[in-house]
């Protein structure tokens, strides 16, 4: 799932529009609940080196809140990293480079939506 597909999925699935709260980083996109304003998804484009990857290229990532019990095992899988700029106990970063199956990304977004509701 790439960035555009993910944006479309979240907008349609949850009837929530994307927000761009940082003028300095217009490519950073936040999705939050209408009622409590809590974030459940954050999409960013960051240098690969920030995830410990080689190269100077940028990579699109998704941060979602996750059951802490699952985070350790997910981080053993390709495409999952410690949460970038978030609490690493409760959040996880997912690379949007095709390394994680679409259905798994959708499942984790659903979990994040429920955990932040």
Protein backbone atom coordinates (compact mmCIF):
# COMPACT_ATOMS: atom_id res chain seq x y z
CA UNK A 1 0.00 0.00 0.00
CA UNK A 2 1.47 3.33 -0.96
CA UNK A 3 0.79 6.74 0.56
CA UNK A 4 -2.02 7.70 -1.86
CA UNK A 5 -3.83 4.38 -1.41
CA UNK A 6 -3.51 4.70 2.36
CA UNK A 7 -4.88 8.24 2.39
CA UNK A 8 -7.86 7.14 0.32
CA UNK A 9 -8.50 4.07 2.50
CA UNK A 10 -8.48 6.02 5.79
CA UNK A 11 -10.64 8.83 4.41
CA UNK A 12 -13.26 6.41 3.06
CA UNK A 13 -13.15 3.84 5.88
CA UNK A 14 -13.43 6.28 8.79
CA UNK A 15 -15.05 9.34 7.15
CA UNK A 16 -12.21 11.48 8.46
CA UNK A 17 -10.33 14.10 6.47
CA UNK A 18 -6.59 14.37 6.60
CA UNK A 19 -4.96 17.22 8.51
CA UNK A 20 -1.61 18.90 7.95
CA UNK A 21 -0.82 20.55 11.29
CA UNK A 22 2.78 21.55 10.57
CA UNK A 23 3.43 24.21 7.97
CA UNK A 24 7.11 23.31 7.99
CA UNK A 25 6.24 19.70 7.08
CA UNK A 26 3.29 19.83 4.67
CA UNK A 27 3.77 16.17 3.69
CA UNK A 28 3.09 15.03 7.28
CA UNK A 29 -0.54 13.94 7.53
CA UNK A 30 -2.54 13.30 10.70
CA UNK A 31 -5.85 11.49 11.10
CA UNK A 32 -7.72 12.04 14.35
CA UNK A 33 -11.08 11.25 15.87
CA UNK A 34 -13.78 13.88 15.58
CA UNK A 35 -14.96 13.49 19.18
CA UNK A 36 -11.77 13.40 21.27
CA UNK A 37 -9.24 14.76 18.73
CA UNK A 38 -6.81 11.88 19.46
CA UNK A 39 -4.58 10.80 16.61
CA UNK A 40 -4.88 7.27 15.31
CA UNK A 41 -2.63 7.55 12.25
CA UNK A 42 0.30 9.72 11.25
CA UNK A 43 1.83 9.53 7.78
CA UNK A 44 5.24 11.08 7.17
CA UNK A 45 8.02 11.13 4.64
CA UNK A 46 11.41 10.86 6.36
CA UNK A 47 15.00 10.03 5.42
CA UNK A 48 15.63 6.27 5.51
CA UNK A 49 18.52 6.86 7.89
CA UNK A 50 16.05 7.89 10.61
CA UNK A 51 14.90 4.26 10.68
CA UNK A 52 18.45 2.92 10.63
CA UNK A 53 18.25 2.06 6.93
CA UNK A 54 21.03 2.78 4.48
CA UNK A 55 20.72 5.42 1.83
CA UNK A 56 19.74 9.05 1.70
CA UNK A 57 16.39 8.48 0.00
CA UNK A 58 13.12 9.44 1.63
CA UNK A 59 10.61 6.81 2.74
CA UNK A 60 6.90 7.14 3.49
CA UNK A 61 5.94 5.74 6.88
CA UNK A 62 2.81 5.23 8.94
CA UNK A 63 2.69 5.49 12.74
CA UNK A 64 -0.18 3.73 14.49
CA UNK A 65 -1.03 3.00 18.10
CA UNK A 66 -0.73 -0.71 18.82
CA UNK A 67 -1.30 -3.19 21.60
CA UNK A 68 2.04 -3.23 23.45
CA UNK A 69 1.93 -7.03 23.54
CA UNK A 70 2.18 -7.12 19.73
CA UNK A 71 4.84 -4.47 19.24
CA UNK A 72 7.81 -6.72 20.07
CA UNK A 73 6.80 -9.42 17.61
CA UNK A 74 5.87 -6.92 14.88
CA UNK A 75 9.28 -5.29 15.14
CA UNK A 76 10.83 -8.63 14.22
CA UNK A 77 9.02 -8.51 10.86
CA UNK A 78 10.23 -6.73 7.75
CA UNK A 79 8.78 -3.24 7.36
CA UNK A 80 8.19 -2.56 11.08
CA UNK A 81 10.31 -0.21 13.20
CA UNK A 82 10.31 1.40 16.63
CA UNK A 83 7.88 4.29 16.53
CA UNK A 84 9.46 7.33 14.92
CA UNK A 85 8.88 10.42 17.09
CA UNK A 86 6.22 8.64 19.16
CA UNK A 87 6.03 6.59 22.36
CA UNK A 88 7.77 3.35 21.46
CA UNK A 89 5.80 1.34 24.03
CA UNK A 90 2.41 2.07 22.45
CA UNK A 91 3.14 3.07 18.85
CA UNK A 92 4.85 1.41 15.90
CA UNK A 93 6.17 2.65 12.57
CA UNK A 94 5.28 0.85 9.34
CA UNK A 95 7.23 1.39 6.12
CA UNK A 96 4.96 2.14 3.16
CA UNK A 97 7.35 0.53 0.69
CA UNK A 98 5.44 -2.64 -0.09
CA UNK A 99 7.17 -4.72 2.59
CA UNK A 100 3.99 -5.03 4.71
CA UNK A 101 0.81 -6.59 3.31
CA UNK A 102 -2.14 -4.23 2.80
CA UNK A 103 -4.47 -6.32 4.95
CA UNK A 104 -2.03 -6.16 7.87
CA UNK A 105 -1.74 -2.38 7.55
CA UNK A 106 -5.53 -2.07 7.53
CA UNK A 107 -5.83 -4.35 10.57
CA UNK A 108 -3.32 -2.21 12.48
CA UNK A 109 -5.10 1.00 11.51
CA UNK A 110 -8.36 -0.51 12.81
CA UNK A 111 -6.60 -1.41 16.06
CA UNK A 112 -5.18 2.10 16.38
CA UNK A 113 -8.60 3.61 15.70
CA UNK A 114 -10.15 1.48 18.45
CA UNK A 115 -7.33 2.06 20.96
CA UNK A 116 -7.56 5.83 20.58
CA UNK A 117 -11.36 6.02 20.61
